[in-house]
Amino acid sequence: MSSKLDIARDLVSKNKFFQLTAAWCPDCVYTYRIYDKFGIKSKFAFFDVADLDRRSREYQEYRDAFTKVAGGVTNLPTVFVNGKFWATEAEFLKWEKNGTLEQEFKKVGLL
């Protein structure tokens, strides 16, 4: 059976656009709205940790695995592009404020 780290690496590497997310996370919901606004949500694969019991060992193992794959980033959402950590909602907010969000999406092939 695959380890959680193997699963996390596999999900991130096999999906050009991938987001670690949680349905209960307001920052994740914010990114969904951004994706819907630009019509790009369907380009993403998502792993939703809200499907797991937050007190469970499995939940913590997945969070630890994705943190490792993201180079230490613990945020939700954690967005990966081409197998590498790319952004959290903090970057999206900065790009939106600076008027560069569309440009950033174009740089990585989302638009």
C-alpha atoms as a PDB file:
ATOM      1  CA  MET A   1       0.000   0.000   0.000  1.00  0.00           C
ATOM      2  CA  SER A   2       1.221   3.485  -0.856  1.00  0.00           C
ATOM      3  CA  SER A   3       2.283   5.877   1.853  1.00  0.00           C
ATOM      4  CA  LYS A   4       0.495   9.205   2.212  1.00  0.00           C
ATOM      5  CA  LEU A   5       3.661  10.899   0.959  1.00  0.00           C
ATOM      6  CA  ASP A   6       3.667   8.715  -2.171  1.00  0.00           C
ATOM      7  CA  ILE A   7       0.001   9.531  -2.755  1.00  0.00           C
ATOM      8  CA  ALA A   8       0.615  13.265  -2.288  1.00  0.00           C
ATOM      9  CA  ARG A   9       3.591  13.241  -4.658  1.00  0.00           C
ATOM     10  CA  ASP A  10       1.608  11.255  -7.216  1.00  0.00           C
ATOM     11  CA  LEU A  11      -1.384  13.617  -7.111  1.00  0.00           C
ATOM     12  CA  VAL A  12       0.789  16.705  -7.421  1.00  0.00           C
ATOM     13  CA  SER A  13       2.969  15.302 -10.203  1.00  0.00           C
ATOM     14  CA  LYS A  14       0.166  13.824 -12.321  1.00  0.00           C
ATOM     15  CA  ASN A  15      -2.043  16.918 -12.351  1.00  0.00           C
ATOM     16  CA  LYS A  16      -0.802  20.067 -14.081  1.00  0.00           C
ATOM     17  CA  PHE A  17      -2.982  22.167 -11.755  1.00  0.00           C
ATOM     18  CA  PHE A  18      -3.638  20.781  -8.289  1.00  0.00           C
ATOM     19  CA  GLN A  19      -4.991  22.213  -5.051  1.00  0.00           C
ATOM     20  CA  LEU A  20      -4.945  20.825  -1.539  1.00  0.00           C
ATOM     21  CA  THR A  21      -8.169  22.182  -0.151  1.00  0.00           C
ATOM     22  CA  ALA A  22     -10.902  21.876   2.467  1.00  0.00           C
ATOM     23  CA  ALA A  23     -14.585  22.626   2.025  1.00  0.00           C
ATOM     24  CA  TRP A  24     -14.649  24.262   5.483  1.00  0.00           C
ATOM     25  CA  CYS A  25     -11.743  26.598   4.648  1.00  0.00           C
ATOM     26  CA  PRO A  26     -12.789  30.201   3.791  1.00  0.00           C
ATOM     27  CA  ASP A  27      -9.525  30.834   1.925  1.00  0.00           C
ATOM     28  CA  CYS A  28     -10.162  27.744  -0.214  1.00  0.00           C
ATOM     29  CA  VAL A  29     -13.674  28.964  -0.996  1.00  0.00           C
ATOM     30  CA  TYR A  30     -12.103  32.276  -2.064  1.00  0.00           C
ATOM     31  CA  THR A  31      -9.881  30.468  -4.595  1.00  0.00           C
ATOM     32  CA  TYR A  32     -12.913  28.554  -5.931  1.00  0.00           C
ATOM     33  CA  ARG A  33     -14.636  31.896  -6.575  1.00  0.00           C
ATOM     34  CA  ILE A  34     -11.557  33.162  -8.406  1.00  0.00           C
ATOM     35  CA  TYR A  35     -11.424  29.998 -10.525  1.00  0.00           C
ATOM     36  CA  ASP A  36     -15.133  30.315 -11.329  1.00  0.00           C
ATOM     37  CA  LYS A  37     -14.692  33.988 -12.247  1.00  0.00           C
ATOM     38  CA  PHE A  38     -12.010  33.067 -14.795  1.00  0.00           C
ATOM     39  CA  GLY A  39     -13.712  29.833 -15.891  1.00  0.00           C
ATOM     40  CA  ILE A  40     -10.698  27.690 -14.956  1.00  0.00           C
ATOM     41  CA  LYS A  41     -11.925  25.531 -12.065  1.00  0.00           C
ATOM     42  CA  SER A  42     -12.291  22.485 -14.323  1.00  0.00           C
ATOM     43  CA  LYS A  43      -8.554  22.605 -15.064  1.00  0.00           C
ATOM     44  CA  PHE A  44      -7.774  21.742 -11.432  1.00  0.00           C
ATOM     45  CA  ALA A  45      -7.652  18.474  -9.563  1.00  0.00           C
ATOM     46  CA  PHE A  46      -8.505  18.833  -5.874  1.00  0.00           C
ATOM     47  CA  PHE A  47      -7.796  16.790  -2.759  1.00  0.00           C
ATOM     48  CA  ASP A  48     -10.287  17.853  -0.094  1.00  0.00           C
ATOM     49  CA  VAL A  49      -9.136  17.097   3.446  1.00  0.00           C
ATOM     50  CA  ALA A  50     -12.617  18.011   4.693  1.00  0.00           C
ATOM     51  CA  ASP A  51     -13.534  14.434   3.798  1.00  0.00           C
ATOM     52  CA  LEU A  52     -11.270  13.279   6.655  1.00  0.00           C
ATOM     53  CA  ASP A  53     -11.797  13.546  10.411  1.00  0.00           C
ATOM     54  CA  ARG A  54      -9.536  16.424  11.486  1.00  0.00           C
ATOM     55  CA  ARG A  55      -8.646  14.544  14.673  1.00  0.00           C
ATOM     56  CA  SER A  56      -7.611  11.402  12.822  1.00  0.00           C
ATOM     57  CA  ARG A  57      -4.128  10.116  12.208  1.00  0.00           C
ATOM     58  CA  GLU A  58      -4.958   9.830   8.494  1.00  0.00           C
ATOM     59  CA  TYR A  59      -5.790  13.555   8.316  1.00  0.00           C
ATOM     60  CA  GLN A  60      -2.505  14.506   9.976  1.00  0.00           C
ATOM     61  CA  GLU A  61      -0.517  12.123   7.780  1.00  0.00           C
ATOM     62  CA  TYR A  62      -1.980  13.691   4.630  1.00  0.00           C
ATOM     63  CA  ARG A  63      -1.356  17.218   5.910  1.00  0.00           C
ATOM     64  CA  ASP A  64       2.246  16.294   6.764  1.00  0.00           C
ATOM     65  CA  ALA A  65       2.734  14.655   3.363  1.00  0.00           C
ATOM     66  CA  PHE A  66       1.447  17.650   1.393  1.00  0.00           C
ATOM     67  CA  THR A  67       3.464  20.011   3.600  1.00  0.00           C
ATOM     68  CA  LYS A  68       6.583  18.064   2.673  1.00  0.00           C
ATOM     69  CA  VAL A  69       5.706  18.092  -1.052  1.00  0.00           C
ATOM     70  CA  ALA A  70       5.090  21.863  -0.823  1.00  0.00           C
ATOM     71  CA  GLY A  71       8.490  22.496   0.737  1.00  0.00           C
ATOM     72  CA  GLY A  72       7.146  23.284   4.193  1.00  0.00           C
ATOM     73  CA  VAL A  73       4.067  25.309   3.259  1.00  0.00           C
ATOM     74  CA  THR A  74       1.244  24.417   5.660  1.00  0.00           C
ATOM     75  CA  ASN A  75      -1.478  26.704   4.300  1.00  0.00           C
ATOM     76  CA  LEU A  76      -4.842  25.718   2.975  1.00  0.00           C
ATOM     77  CA  PRO A  77      -5.264  26.137   0.113  1.00  0.00           C
ATOM     78  CA  THR A  78      -1.958  24.944  -1.275  1.00  0.00           C
ATOM     79  CA  VAL A  79      -1.811  25.328  -5.057  1.00  0.00           C
ATOM     80  CA  PHE A  80       0.633  23.401  -7.231  1.00  0.00           C
ATOM     81  CA  VAL A  81       1.440  23.962 -10.899  1.00  0.00           C
ATOM     82  CA  ASN A  82       3.475  21.523 -12.966  1.00  0.00           C
ATOM     83  CA  GLY A  83       4.358  19.465  -9.894  1.00  0.00           C
ATOM     84  CA  LYS A  84       5.668  22.376  -7.825  1.00  0.00           C
ATOM     85  CA  PHE A  85       4.256  24.593  -5.111  1.00  0.00           C
ATOM     86  CA  TRP A  86       2.935  27.751  -6.760  1.00  0.00           C
ATOM     87  CA  ALA A  87       0.707  29.751  -4.429  1.00  0.00           C
ATOM     88  CA  THR A  88      -1.663  30.063  -1.508  1.00  0.00           C
ATOM     89  CA  GLU A  89      -4.569  32.445  -1.185  1.00  0.00           C
ATOM     90  CA  ALA A  90      -2.067  35.068   0.024  1.00  0.00           C
ATOM     91  CA  GLU A  91      -0.510  35.250  -3.440  1.00  0.00           C
ATOM     92  CA  PHE A  92      -3.954  35.355  -5.069  1.00  0.00           C
ATOM     93  CA  LEU A  93      -4.943  38.271  -2.820  1.00  0.00           C
ATOM     94  CA  LYS A  94      -1.691  40.106  -3.617  1.00  0.00           C
ATOM     95  CA  TRP A  95      -2.094  39.536  -7.364  1.00  0.00           C
ATOM     96  CA  GLU A  96      -5.719  40.618  -7.228  1.00  0.00           C
ATOM     97  CA  LYS A  97      -4.799  43.795  -5.326  1.00  0.00           C
ATOM     98  CA  ASN A  98      -1.958  44.560  -7.772  1.00  0.00           C
ATOM     99  CA  GLY A  99      -4.125  43.853 -10.811  1.00  0.00           C
ATOM    100  CA  THR A 100      -1.799  41.047 -11.956  1.00  0.00           C
ATOM    101  CA  LEU A 101      -3.952  37.975 -11.243  1.00  0.00           C
ATOM    102  CA  GLU A 102      -4.892  37.406 -14.881  1.00  0.00           C
ATOM    103  CA  GLN A 103      -1.258  37.838 -15.929  1.00  0.00           C
ATOM    104  CA  GLU A 104      -0.116  35.275 -13.322  1.00  0.00           C
ATOM    105  CA  PHE A 105      -2.722  32.801 -14.572  1.00  0.00           C
ATOM    106  CA  LYS A 106      -1.528  33.329 -18.146  1.00  0.00           C
ATOM    107  CA  LYS A 107       2.112  32.735 -17.133  1.00  0.00           C
ATOM    108  CA  VAL A 108       1.305  29.196 -15.982  1.00  0.00           C
ATOM    109  CA  GLY A 109      -1.138  28.353 -18.768  1.00  0.00           C
ATOM    110  CA  LEU A 110      -4.394  28.647 -16.871  1.00  0.00           C
ATOM    111  CA  LEU A 111      -5.605  31.253 -19.384  1.00  0.00           C
END
